PDB file of N, CA and C in Angstrom:
ATOM      1  N   UNK A   1     -60.751 103.544 169.547  1.00  0.00           N
ATOM      2  CA  UNK A   1     -61.638 104.708 168.504  1.00  0.00           C
ATOM      3  C   UNK A   1     -62.815 104.242 167.441  1.00  0.00           C
ATOM      4  N   UNK A   2     -63.293 105.147 167.349  1.00  0.00           N
ATOM      5  CA  UNK A   2     -64.367 104.309 165.803  1.00  0.00           C
ATOM      6  C   UNK A   2     -63.404 104.891 164.532  1.00  0.00           C
ATOM      7  N   UNK A   3     -64.310 103.939 163.871  1.00  0.00           N
ATOM      8  CA  UNK A   3     -63.187 103.936 162.971  1.00  0.00           C
ATOM      9  C   UNK A   3     -63.726 104.514 162.062  1.00  0.00           C
ATOM     10  N   UNK A   4     -65.703 105.092 162.406  1.00  0.00           N
ATOM     11  CA  UNK A   4     -65.986 105.888 161.262  1.00  0.00           C
ATOM     12  C   UNK A   4     -65.583 107.011 160.817  1.00  0.00           C
ATOM     13  N   UNK A   5     -64.627 107.347 162.611  1.00  0.00           N
ATOM     14  CA  UNK A   5     -64.571 108.848 162.187  1.00  0.00           C
ATOM     15  C   UNK A   5     -63.074 108.843 161.736  1.00  0.00           C
ATOM     16  N   UNK A   6     -62.214 108.190 161.329  1.00  0.00           N
ATOM     17  CA  UNK A   6     -60.563 107.740 160.544  1.00  0.00           C
ATOM     18  C   UNK A   6     -60.921 107.975 159.060  1.00  0.00           C
ATOM     19  N   UNK A   7     -62.647 107.198 159.292  1.00  0.00           N
ATOM     20  CA  UNK A   7     -62.513 107.321 157.815  1.00  0.00           C
ATOM     21  C   UNK A   7     -63.447 108.709 156.812  1.00  0.00           C
ATOM     22  N   UNK A   8     -64.158 108.883 157.992  1.00  0.00           N
ATOM     23  CA  UNK A   8     -64.691 110.514 157.146  1.00  0.00           C
ATOM     24  C   UNK A   8     -63.534 111.223 157.695  1.00  0.00           C
ATOM     25  N   UNK A   9     -62.411 111.087 158.098  1.00  0.00           N
ATOM     26  CA  UNK A   9     -61.380 112.790 158.220  1.00  0.00           C
ATOM     27  C   UNK A   9     -60.568 112.248 156.819  1.00  0.00           C
ATOM     28  N   UNK A  10     -60.342 110.653 156.817  1.00  0.00           N
ATOM     29  CA  UNK A  10     -59.559 110.049 155.827  1.00  0.00           C
ATOM     30  C   UNK A  10     -60.556 110.833 154.089  1.00  0.00           C
ATOM     31  N   UNK A  11     -61.852 110.005 154.410  1.00  0.00           N
ATOM     32  CA  UNK A  11     -62.772 110.976 152.500  1.00  0.00           C
ATOM     33  C   UNK A  11     -62.193 111.602 152.756  1.00  0.00           C
ATOM     34  N   UNK A  12     -62.533 112.996 153.897  1.00  0.00           N
ATOM     35  CA  UNK A  12     -62.938 114.426 153.092  1.00  0.00           C
ATOM     36  C   UNK A  12     -60.999 114.539 153.359  1.00  0.00           C
ATOM     37  N   UNK A  13     -60.210 114.313 153.476  1.00  0.00           N
ATOM     38  CA  UNK A  13     -58.757 114.971 153.299  1.00  0.00           C
ATOM     39  C   UNK A  13     -58.459 113.936 151.620  1.00  0.00           C
ATOM     40  N   UNK A  14     -59.300 113.184 151.498  1.00  0.00           N
ATOM     41  CA  UNK A  14     -59.485 113.246 149.717  1.00  0.00           C
ATOM     42  C   UNK A  14     -59.859 113.544 148.885  1.00  0.00           C
ATOM     43  N   UNK A  15     -61.460 114.263 149.246  1.00  0.00           N
ATOM     44  CA  UNK A  15     -61.613 115.086 148.708  1.00  0.00           C
ATOM     45  C   UNK A  15     -60.959 116.459 148.742  1.00  0.00           C
ATOM     46  N   UNK A  16     -60.503 117.400 149.911  1.00  0.00           N
ATOM     47  CA  UNK A  16     -59.190 118.132 149.458  1.00  0.00           C
ATOM     48  C   UNK A  16     -58.769 117.897 148.512  1.00  0.00           C
ATOM     49  N   UNK A  17     -57.840 117.211 148.483  1.00  0.00           N
ATOM     50  CA  UNK A  17     -56.743 116.484 147.995  1.00  0.00           C
ATOM     51  C   UNK A  17     -57.090 116.422 146.140  1.00  0.00           C
ATOM     52  N   UNK A  18     -58.122 115.697 145.977  1.00  0.00           N
ATOM     53  CA  UNK A  18     -59.077 115.988 144.410  1.00  0.00           C
ATOM     54  C   UNK A  18     -59.398 117.459 144.194  1.00  0.00           C
ATOM     55  N   UNK A  19     -59.939 117.988 144.651  1.00  0.00           N
ATOM     56  CA  UNK A  19     -60.245 119.470 144.604  1.00  0.00           C
ATOM     57  C   UNK A  19     -59.440 120.317 144.487  1.00  0.00           C
ATOM     58  N   UNK A  20     -58.425 120.386 146.111  1.00  0.00           N
ATOM     59  CA  UNK A  20     -57.472 121.606 145.283  1.00  0.00           C
ATOM     60  C   UNK A  20     -55.835 121.530 145.513  1.00  0.00           C
ATOM     61  N   UNK A  21     -55.755 120.394 144.918  1.00  0.00           N
ATOM     62  CA  UNK A  21     -54.219 119.855 144.689  1.00  0.00           C
ATOM     63  C   UNK A  21     -53.267 119.668 146.295  1.00  0.00           C
ATOM     64  N   UNK A  22     -52.841 119.784 145.730  1.00  0.00           N
ATOM     65  CA  UNK A  22     -51.349 119.957 146.816  1.00  0.00           C
ATOM     66  C   UNK A  22     -51.273 121.514 147.195  1.00  0.00           C
ATOM     67  N   UNK A  23     -51.427 121.298 148.413  1.00  0.00           N
ATOM     68  CA  UNK A  23     -50.824 123.296 149.217  1.00  0.00           C
ATOM     69  C   UNK A  23     -49.603 123.787 148.057  1.00  0.00           C
ATOM     70  N   UNK A  24     -49.890 124.867 147.641  1.00  0.00           N
ATOM     71  CA  UNK A  24     -48.749 125.536 147.498  1.00  0.00           C
ATOM     72  C   UNK A  24     -47.772 125.908 148.232  1.00  0.00           C
ATOM     73  N   UNK A  25     -47.257 126.039 149.528  1.00  0.00           N
ATOM     74  CA  UNK A  25     -46.651 126.149 150.291  1.00  0.00           C
ATOM     75  C   UNK A  25     -47.148 126.152 152.363  1.00  0.00           C
ATOM     76  N   UNK A  26     -45.648 126.098 152.773  1.00  0.00           N
ATOM     77  CA  UNK A  26     -46.471 125.813 154.040  1.00  0.00           C
ATOM     78  C   UNK A  26     -47.405 126.806 154.570  1.00  0.00           C
ATOM     79  N   UNK A  27     -47.471 128.366 154.112  1.00  0.00           N
ATOM     80  CA  UNK A  27     -48.105 129.766 154.296  1.00  0.00           C
ATOM     81  C   UNK A  27     -49.317 129.036 153.909  1.00  0.00           C
ATOM     82  N   UNK A  28     -50.008 128.961 152.762  1.00  0.00           N
ATOM     83  CA  UNK A  28     -51.032 127.720 152.032  1.00  0.00           C
ATOM     84  C   UNK A  28     -51.634 127.072 153.140  1.00  0.00           C
ATOM     85  N   UNK A  29     -50.602 125.926 153.133  1.00  0.00           N
ATOM     86  CA  UNK A  29     -51.475 124.548 154.255  1.00  0.00           C
ATOM     87  C   UNK A  29     -51.832 125.945 155.650  1.00  0.00           C
ATOM     88  N   UNK A  30     -51.121 126.794 155.933  1.00  0.00           N
ATOM     89  CA  UNK A  30     -51.942 127.292 157.861  1.00  0.00           C
ATOM     90  C   UNK A  30     -52.875 127.588 157.214  1.00  0.00           C
ATOM     91  N   UNK A  31     -52.797 129.048 156.102  1.00  0.00           N
ATOM     92  CA  UNK A  31     -54.114 129.461 155.511  1.00  0.00           C
ATOM     93  C   UNK A  31     -55.235 129.199 155.798  1.00  0.00           C
ATOM     94  N   UNK A  32     -55.134 127.409 155.851  1.00  0.00           N
ATOM     95  CA  UNK A  32     -56.985 126.713 155.580  1.00  0.00           C
ATOM     96  C   UNK A  32     -57.074 125.845 156.300  1.00  0.00           C
ATOM     97  N   UNK A  33     -56.039 125.765 157.021  1.00  0.00           N
ATOM     98  CA  UNK A  33     -56.657 125.161 158.650  1.00  0.00           C
ATOM     99  C   UNK A  33     -56.796 126.744 159.273  1.00  0.00           C
ATOM    100  N   UNK A  34     -56.098 128.055 159.274  1.00  0.00           N
ATOM    101  CA  UNK A  34     -56.594 128.617 159.871  1.00  0.00           C
ATOM    102  C   UNK A  34     -58.442 128.890 159.747  1.00  0.00           C
ATOM    103  N   UNK A  35     -58.384 128.582 158.746  1.00  0.00           N
ATOM    104  CA  UNK A  35     -59.735 129.385 157.963  1.00  0.00           C
ATOM    105  C   UNK A  35     -61.238 128.059 158.125  1.00  0.00           C
ATOM    106  N   UNK A  36     -60.112 127.139 159.076  1.00  0.00           N
ATOM    107  CA  UNK A  36     -60.892 125.617 158.964  1.00  0.00           C
ATOM    108  C   UNK A  36     -61.160 125.877 160.868  1.00  0.00           C
ATOM    109  N   UNK A  37     -59.862 125.964 162.069  1.00  0.00           N
ATOM    110  CA  UNK A  37     -60.255 126.675 162.710  1.00  0.00           C
ATOM    111  C   UNK A  37     -61.571 127.088 162.972  1.00  0.00           C
ATOM    112  N   UNK A  38     -61.107 128.854 162.508  1.00  0.00           N
ATOM    113  CA  UNK A  38     -62.321 129.845 162.570  1.00  0.00           C
ATOM    114  C   UNK A  38     -63.451 129.155 162.495  1.00  0.00           C
ATOM    115  N   UNK A  39     -64.186 128.475 161.274  1.00  0.00           N
ATOM    116  CA  UNK A  39     -64.933 128.025 161.679  1.00  0.00           C
ATOM    117  C   UNK A  39     -65.410 127.477 162.273  1.00  0.00           C
ATOM    118  N   UNK A  40     -64.614 126.225 163.435  1.00  0.00           N
ATOM    119  CA  UNK A  40     -64.675 125.629 164.178  1.00  0.00           C
ATOM    120  C   UNK A  40     -65.044 126.341 165.634  1.00  0.00           C
ATOM    121  N   UNK A  41     -64.208 127.496 165.514  1.00  0.00           N
ATOM    122  CA  UNK A  41     -64.526 128.392 166.964  1.00  0.00           C
ATOM    123  C   UNK A  41     -66.051 129.056 167.111  1.00  0.00           C
ATOM    124  N   UNK A  42     -66.256 129.355 165.328  1.00  0.00           N
ATOM    125  CA  UNK A  42     -67.083 129.911 165.244  1.00  0.00           C
ATOM    126  C   UNK A  42     -68.482 129.083 165.521  1.00  0.00           C
ATOM    127  N   UNK A  43     -69.202 127.915 165.404  1.00  0.00           N
ATOM    128  CA  UNK A  43     -69.628 126.495 166.317  1.00  0.00           C
ATOM    129  C   UNK A  43     -69.793 126.919 167.158  1.00  0.00           C
ATOM    130  N   UNK A  44     -68.442 126.649 168.125  1.00  0.00           N
ATOM    131  CA  UNK A  44     -68.695 127.178 169.145  1.00  0.00           C
ATOM    132  C   UNK A  44     -68.621 128.384 170.426  1.00  0.00           C
ATOM    133  N   UNK A  45     -68.422 129.333 170.002  1.00  0.00           N
ATOM    134  CA  UNK A  45     -68.926 130.153 170.323  1.00  0.00           C
ATOM    135  C   UNK A  45     -70.613 130.446 170.337  1.00  0.00           C
ATOM    136  N   UNK A  46     -71.213 130.330 169.148  1.00  0.00           N
ATOM    137  CA  UNK A  46     -72.198 130.212 168.718  1.00  0.00           C
ATOM    138  C   UNK A  46     -72.866 129.251 169.991  1.00  0.00           C
ATOM    139  N   UNK A  47     -72.712 127.990 169.409  1.00  0.00           N
ATOM    140  CA  UNK A  47     -73.751 126.453 169.948  1.00  0.00           C
ATOM    141  C   UNK A  47     -72.883 126.055 171.621  1.00  0.00           C
ATOM    142  N   UNK A  48     -71.778 126.389 171.772  1.00  0.00           N
ATOM    143  CA  UNK A  48     -71.049 125.850 173.161  1.00  0.00           C
ATOM    144  C   UNK A  48     -70.568 124.741 172.561  1.00  0.00           C
ATOM    145  N   UNK A  49     -70.985 123.687 171.618  1.00  0.00           N
ATOM    146  CA  UNK A  49     -70.244 122.583 171.349  1.00  0.00           C
ATOM    147  C   UNK A  49     -69.192 122.757 169.656  1.00  0.00           C
ATOM    148  N   UNK A  50     -68.062 122.053 169.625  1.00  0.00           N
ATOM    149  CA  UNK A  50     -68.269 121.490 168.219  1.00  0.00           C
ATOM    150  C   UNK A  50     -69.208 120.985 167.403  1.00  0.00           C
ATOM    151  N   UNK A  51     -68.566 121.590 166.299  1.00  0.00           N
ATOM    152  CA  UNK A  51     -69.625 120.764 165.014  1.00  0.00           C
ATOM    153  C   UNK A  51     -68.737 119.561 164.980  1.00  0.00           C
ATOM    154  N   UNK A  52     -69.007 118.693 163.893  1.00  0.00           N
ATOM    155  CA  UNK A  52     -68.695 117.073 164.116  1.00  0.00           C
ATOM    156  C   UNK A  52     -67.796 117.932 162.610  1.00  0.00           C
ATOM    157  N   UNK A  53     -68.521 118.180 162.103  1.00  0.00           N
ATOM    158  CA  UNK A  53     -68.379 118.282 160.568  1.00  0.00           C
ATOM    159  C   UNK A  53     -66.894 118.881 160.497  1.00  0.00           C
ATOM    160  N   UNK A  54     -66.772 120.092 161.141  1.00  0.00           N
ATOM    161  CA  UNK A  54     -65.424 120.950 161.095  1.00  0.00           C
ATOM    162  C   UNK A  54     -63.951 120.588 162.340  1.00  0.00           C
ATOM    163  N   UNK A  55     -64.859 119.443 162.467  1.00  0.00           N
ATOM    164  CA  UNK A  55     -63.390 119.250 163.132  1.00  0.00           C
ATOM    165  C   UNK A  55     -63.558 117.900 162.341  1.00  0.00           C
ATOM    166  N   UNK A  56     -63.949 117.140 161.276  1.00  0.00           N
ATOM    167  CA  UNK A  56     -63.454 116.709 160.144  1.00  0.00           C
ATOM    168  C   UNK A  56     -62.604 117.359 159.409  1.00  0.00           C
ATOM    169  N   UNK A  57     -62.971 118.041 159.343  1.00  0.00           N
ATOM    170  CA  UNK A  57     -62.775 119.228 158.665  1.00  0.00           C
ATOM    171  C   UNK A  57     -60.839 119.486 158.811  1.00  0.00           C
ATOM    172  N   UNK A  58     -61.065 120.094 160.016  1.00  0.00           N
ATOM    173  CA  UNK A  58     -59.799 120.430 160.853  1.00  0.00           C
ATOM    174  C   UNK A  58     -58.318 119.931 160.810  1.00  0.00           C
ATOM    175  N   UNK A  59     -58.709 118.110 160.896  1.00  0.00           N
ATOM    176  CA  UNK A  59     -58.463 116.848 161.094  1.00  0.00           C
ATOM    177  C   UNK A  59     -58.157 116.412 159.462  1.00  0.00           C
ATOM    178  N   UNK A  60     -58.812 116.635 158.583  1.00  0.00           N
ATOM    179  CA  UNK A  60     -58.268 116.235 157.243  1.00  0.00           C
ATOM    180  C   UNK A  60     -57.649 117.514 156.568  1.00  0.00           C
ATOM    181  N   UNK A  61     -56.943 118.429 157.172  1.00  0.00           N
ATOM    182  CA  UNK A  61     -56.584 119.549 156.684  1.00  0.00           C
ATOM    183  C   UNK A  61     -55.141 118.883 157.206  1.00  0.00           C
ATOM    184  N   UNK A  62     -55.250 119.010 158.696  1.00  0.00           N
ATOM    185  CA  UNK A  62     -53.815 118.119 159.238  1.00  0.00           C
ATOM    186  C   UNK A  62     -52.790 117.510 158.196  1.00  0.00           C
ATOM    187  N   UNK A  63     -54.402 116.200 158.208  1.00  0.00           N
ATOM    188  CA  UNK A  63     -53.620 115.210 157.610  1.00  0.00           C
ATOM    189  C   UNK A  63     -52.725 115.115 156.150  1.00  0.00           C
ATOM    190  N   UNK A  64     -53.944 116.135 155.643  1.00  0.00           N
ATOM    191  CA  UNK A  64     -52.727 116.046 153.856  1.00  0.00           C
ATOM    192  C   UNK A  64     -51.637 116.809 153.862  1.00  0.00           C
ATOM    193  N   UNK A  65     -51.664 117.994 154.524  1.00  0.00           N
ATOM    194  CA  UNK A  65     -50.533 118.178 155.221  1.00  0.00           C
ATOM    195  C   UNK A  65     -49.644 117.302 155.816  1.00  0.00           C
ATOM    196  N   UNK A  66     -49.403 116.170 156.509  1.00  0.00           N
ATOM    197  CA  UNK A  66     -49.003 115.406 156.987  1.00  0.00           C
ATOM    198  C   UNK A  66     -48.131 114.660 155.477  1.00  0.00           C
ATOM    199  N   UNK A  67     -49.149 114.197 154.813  1.00  0.00           N
ATOM    200  CA  UNK A  67     -49.409 113.378 153.810  1.00  0.00           C
ATOM    201  C   UNK A  67     -48.565 113.662 152.943  1.00  0.00           C
ATOM    202  N   UNK A  68     -48.951 115.582 152.556  1.00  0.00           N
ATOM    203  CA  UNK A  68     -48.360 115.697 151.991  1.00  0.00           C
ATOM    204  C   UNK A  68     -46.486 116.399 151.941  1.00  0.00           C
ATOM    205  N   UNK A  69     -46.082 117.069 153.185  1.00  0.00           N
ATOM    206  CA  UNK A  69     -44.409 116.639 153.387  1.00  0.00           C
ATOM    207  C   UNK A  69     -43.821 115.953 154.259  1.00  0.00           C
ATOM    208  N   UNK A  70     -45.216 114.431 154.938  1.00  0.00           N
ATOM    209  CA  UNK A  70     -43.987 113.319 155.125  1.00  0.00           C
ATOM    210  C   UNK A  70     -44.204 112.293 154.485  1.00  0.00           C
ATOM    211  N   UNK A  71     -44.714 112.455 154.014  1.00  0.00           N
ATOM    212  CA  UNK A  71     -45.303 111.131 152.977  1.00  0.00           C
ATOM    213  C   UNK A  71     -45.091 109.898 153.756  1.00  0.00           C
ATOM    214  N   UNK A  72     -44.073 108.792 153.318  1.00  0.00           N
ATOM    215  CA  UNK A  72     -44.129 107.884 153.914  1.00  0.00           C
ATOM    216  C   UNK A  72     -42.334 107.832 155.073  1.00  0.00           C
ATOM    217  N   UNK A  73     -42.071 108.945 155.328  1.00  0.00           N
ATOM    218  CA  UNK A  73     -40.559 109.411 156.069  1.00  0.00           C
ATOM    219  C   UNK A  73     -40.459 110.437 156.872  1.00  0.00           C
ATOM    220  N   UNK A  74     -41.822 110.154 158.180  1.00  0.00           N
ATOM    221  CA  UNK A  74     -41.981 110.633 159.249  1.00  0.00           C
ATOM    222  C   UNK A  74     -40.574 111.801 159.518  1.00  0.00           C
ATOM    223  N   UNK A  75     -40.537 110.926 159.811  1.00  0.00           N
ATOM    224  CA  UNK A  75     -38.712 111.967 160.188  1.00  0.00           C
ATOM    225  C   UNK A  75     -38.442 112.859 158.867  1.00  0.00           C
ATOM    226  N   UNK A  76     -38.840 113.156 157.801  1.00  0.00           N
ATOM    227  CA  UNK A  76     -38.147 114.103 157.275  1.00  0.00           C
ATOM    228  C   UNK A  76     -38.299 115.387 157.517  1.00  0.00           C
ATOM    229  N   UNK A  77     -39.802 115.190 158.177  1.00  0.00           N
ATOM    230  CA  UNK A  77     -40.045 117.597 158.599  1.00  0.00           C
ATOM    231  C   UNK A  77     -38.760 117.564 159.426  1.00  0.00           C
ATOM    232  N   UNK A  78     -38.450 117.164 160.423  1.00  0.00           N
ATOM    233  CA  UNK A  78     -37.463 117.749 160.877  1.00  0.00           C
ATOM    234  C   UNK A  78     -35.831 117.233 161.155  1.00  0.00           C
ATOM    235  N   UNK A  79     -35.619 116.633 159.790  1.00  0.00           N
ATOM    236  CA  UNK A  79     -34.419 116.953 158.990  1.00  0.00           C
ATOM    237  C   UNK A  79     -34.669 117.867 158.435  1.00  0.00           C
ATOM    238  N   UNK A  80     -35.844 118.253 157.538  1.00  0.00           N
ATOM    239  CA  UNK A  80     -35.460 119.365 156.523  1.00  0.00           C
ATOM    240  C   UNK A  80     -35.549 120.142 157.707  1.00  0.00           C
ATOM    241  N   UNK A  81     -36.268 120.691 158.510  1.00  0.00           N
ATOM    242  CA  UNK A  81     -36.023 121.832 159.325  1.00  0.00           C
ATOM    243  C   UNK A  81     -35.180 121.742 160.350  1.00  0.00           C
ATOM    244  N   UNK A  82     -34.071 120.520 160.524  1.00  0.00           N
ATOM    245  CA  UNK A  82     -33.365 121.568 161.035  1.00  0.00           C
ATOM    246  C   UNK A  82     -32.010 121.446 159.059  1.00  0.00           C
ATOM    247  N   UNK A  83     -32.791 121.006 158.646  1.00  0.00           N
ATOM    248  CA  UNK A  83     -31.471 121.569 158.004  1.00  0.00           C
ATOM    249  C   UNK A  83     -31.746 122.971 157.304  1.00  0.00           C
ATOM    250  N   UNK A  84     -32.770 123.312 157.074  1.00  0.00           N
ATOM    251  CA  UNK A  84     -33.141 124.428 156.592  1.00  0.00           C
ATOM    252  C   UNK A  84     -32.367 125.867 157.646  1.00  0.00           C
ATOM    253  N   UNK A  85     -32.515 125.149 159.050  1.00  0.00           N
ATOM    254  CA  UNK A  85     -32.128 126.330 160.341  1.00  0.00           C
ATOM    255  C   UNK A  85     -30.410 126.729 160.058  1.00  0.00           C
ATOM    256  N   UNK A  86     -29.952 125.466 160.277  1.00  0.00           N
ATOM    257  CA  UNK A  86     -28.205 125.171 159.732  1.00  0.00           C
ATOM    258  C   UNK A  86     -27.681 125.641 159.121  1.00  0.00           C
ATOM    259  N   UNK A  87     -28.578 125.809 157.832  1.00  0.00           N
ATOM    260  CA  UNK A  87     -28.007 126.415 156.778  1.00  0.00           C
ATOM    261  C   UNK A  87     -28.006 127.771 156.311  1.00  0.00           C
ATOM    262  N   UNK A  88     -28.491 128.229 158.011  1.00  0.00           N
ATOM    263  CA  UNK A  88     -29.668 129.596 158.275  1.00  0.00           C
ATOM    264  C   UNK A  88     -30.458 130.056 157.205  1.00  0.00           C
ATOM    265  N   UNK A  89     -31.488 129.365 156.285  1.00  0.00           N
ATOM    266  CA  UNK A  89     -31.977 129.039 155.381  1.00  0.00           C
ATOM    267  C   UNK A  89     -33.610 129.411 156.056  1.00  0.00           C
ATOM    268  N   UNK A  90     -34.774 130.135 155.989  1.00  0.00           N
ATOM    269  CA  UNK A  90     -36.020 130.036 156.333  1.00  0.00           C
ATOM    270  C   UNK A  90     -36.995 130.821 155.527  1.00  0.00           C
ATOM    271  N   UNK A  91     -36.631 130.767 154.475  1.00  0.00           N
ATOM    272  CA  UNK A  91     -37.362 130.556 153.734  1.00  0.00           C
ATOM    273  C   UNK A  91     -38.169 129.178 153.055  1.00  0.00           C
ATOM    274  N   UNK A  92     -39.669 130.163 152.842  1.00  0.00           N
ATOM    275  CA  UNK A  92     -40.656 127.853 152.192  1.00  0.00           C
ATOM    276  C   UNK A  92     -40.005 127.196 151.548  1.00  0.00           C
ATOM    277  N   UNK A  93     -40.614 126.182 151.681  1.00  0.00           N
ATOM    278  CA  UNK A  93     -39.918 125.065 150.446  1.00  0.00           C
ATOM    279  C   UNK A  93     -41.988 125.156 149.742  1.00  0.00           C
ATOM    280  N   UNK A  94     -41.648 124.950 149.080  1.00  0.00           N
ATOM    281  CA  UNK A  94     -42.102 125.315 147.872  1.00  0.00           C
ATOM    282  C   UNK A  94     -42.690 123.349 146.887  1.00  0.00           C
ATOM    283  N   UNK A  95     -41.838 123.233 146.679  1.00  0.00           N
ATOM    284  CA  UNK A  95     -42.195 121.259 146.477  1.00  0.00           C
ATOM    285  C   UNK A  95     -42.426 119.747 147.741  1.00  0.00           C
ATOM    286  N   UNK A  96     -42.780 119.170 147.065  1.00  0.00           N
ATOM    287  CA  UNK A  96     -43.486 118.315 148.389  1.00  0.00           C
ATOM    288  C   UNK A  96     -42.732 116.953 147.498  1.00  0.00           C
TER     289      UNK A  96
END
Protein backbone atom coordinates (compact mmCIF):
# COMPACT_ATOMS: atom_id res chain seq x y z
CA UNK A 1 0.00 0.00 0.00
CA UNK A 2 1.22 3.47 -0.83
CA UNK A 3 2.22 5.24 2.38
CA UNK A 4 0.96 8.55 0.96
CA UNK A 5 -2.62 7.32 1.26
CA UNK A 6 -2.17 6.43 4.91
CA UNK A 7 -0.48 9.76 5.57
CA UNK A 8 -3.36 11.62 3.90
CA UNK A 9 -5.92 9.73 6.01
CA UNK A 10 -3.96 10.36 9.19
CA UNK A 11 -3.59 14.07 8.40
CA UNK A 12 -7.33 14.37 7.68
CA UNK A 13 -8.11 12.52 10.92
CA UNK A 14 -5.93 14.92 12.92
CA UNK A 15 -7.53 17.95 11.25
CA UNK A 16 -10.95 16.63 12.22
CA UNK A 17 -9.88 16.00 15.81
CA UNK A 18 -8.34 19.46 16.11
CA UNK A 19 -11.32 21.21 14.54
CA UNK A 20 -14.20 19.29 16.13
CA UNK A 21 -12.73 17.40 19.08
CA UNK A 22 -13.98 13.99 20.13
CA UNK A 23 -17.29 12.57 19.04
CA UNK A 24 -19.90 13.27 21.70
CA UNK A 25 -21.43 9.83 21.14
CA UNK A 26 -21.62 6.90 18.80
CA UNK A 27 -24.67 8.57 17.31
CA UNK A 28 -22.62 11.64 16.41
CA UNK A 29 -19.92 9.45 14.89
CA UNK A 30 -22.53 7.71 12.71
CA UNK A 31 -24.05 11.05 11.64
CA UNK A 32 -20.63 12.36 10.56
CA UNK A 33 -19.77 9.10 8.81
CA UNK A 34 -23.14 9.06 7.05
CA UNK A 35 -22.57 12.63 5.85
CA UNK A 36 -19.19 11.71 4.39
CA UNK A 37 -20.52 8.54 2.76
CA UNK A 38 -23.40 10.54 1.28
CA UNK A 39 -20.91 13.01 -0.23
CA UNK A 40 -18.89 10.08 -1.61
CA UNK A 41 -22.05 8.58 -3.09
CA UNK A 42 -22.90 11.90 -4.75
CA UNK A 43 -19.49 11.92 -6.45
CA UNK A 44 -20.01 8.36 -7.67
CA UNK A 45 -23.55 9.09 -8.80
CA UNK A 46 -22.48 12.18 -10.77
CA UNK A 47 -19.19 11.00 -12.24
CA UNK A 48 -19.20 7.22 -11.96
CA UNK A 49 -16.07 7.34 -9.81
CA UNK A 50 -15.32 7.92 -6.14
CA UNK A 51 -13.54 11.13 -5.23
CA UNK A 52 -10.14 10.52 -3.64
CA UNK A 53 -10.81 13.38 -1.22
CA UNK A 54 -14.12 11.86 -0.07
CA UNK A 55 -12.57 8.40 0.27
CA UNK A 56 -9.90 9.92 2.52
CA UNK A 57 -12.57 11.68 4.59
CA UNK A 58 -14.60 8.49 5.08
CA UNK A 59 -11.47 6.63 6.19
CA UNK A 60 -10.46 9.50 8.48
CA UNK A 61 -13.83 9.57 10.24
CA UNK A 62 -13.65 5.80 10.79
CA UNK A 63 -10.08 6.11 12.06
CA UNK A 64 -11.11 8.88 14.48
CA UNK A 65 -13.73 6.54 15.94
CA UNK A 66 -11.25 3.68 16.20
CA UNK A 67 -8.79 5.99 17.92
CA UNK A 68 -11.41 7.40 20.29
CA UNK A 69 -13.28 4.24 21.20
CA UNK A 70 -10.53 1.65 20.83
CA UNK A 71 -7.50 3.54 22.04
CA UNK A 72 -4.56 1.24 22.59
CA UNK A 73 -6.84 -1.72 23.28
CA UNK A 74 -8.67 -2.95 20.17
CA UNK A 75 -10.51 -5.62 22.20
CA UNK A 76 -12.14 -2.88 24.31
CA UNK A 77 -14.88 -2.48 21.68
CA UNK A 78 -16.15 -6.01 22.04
CA UNK A 79 -15.73 -6.19 25.84
CA UNK A 80 -17.73 -3.02 26.43
CA UNK A 81 -20.37 -3.95 23.89
CA UNK A 82 -20.70 -7.41 25.39
CA UNK A 83 -20.94 -5.94 28.92
CA UNK A 84 -23.72 -3.56 27.85
CA UNK A 85 -25.83 -6.36 26.43
CA UNK A 86 -25.16 -8.71 29.35
CA UNK A 87 -26.42 -6.05 31.73
CA UNK A 88 -29.45 -5.31 29.56
CA UNK A 89 -28.24 -1.80 28.78
CA UNK A 90 -28.48 -0.24 25.37
CA UNK A 91 -27.80 3.38 26.34
CA UNK A 92 -25.12 5.22 24.44
CA UNK A 93 -21.69 5.69 25.96
CA UNK A 94 -20.66 9.32 26.22
CA UNK A 95 -17.19 8.88 27.72
CA UNK A 96 -14.08 7.74 25.96
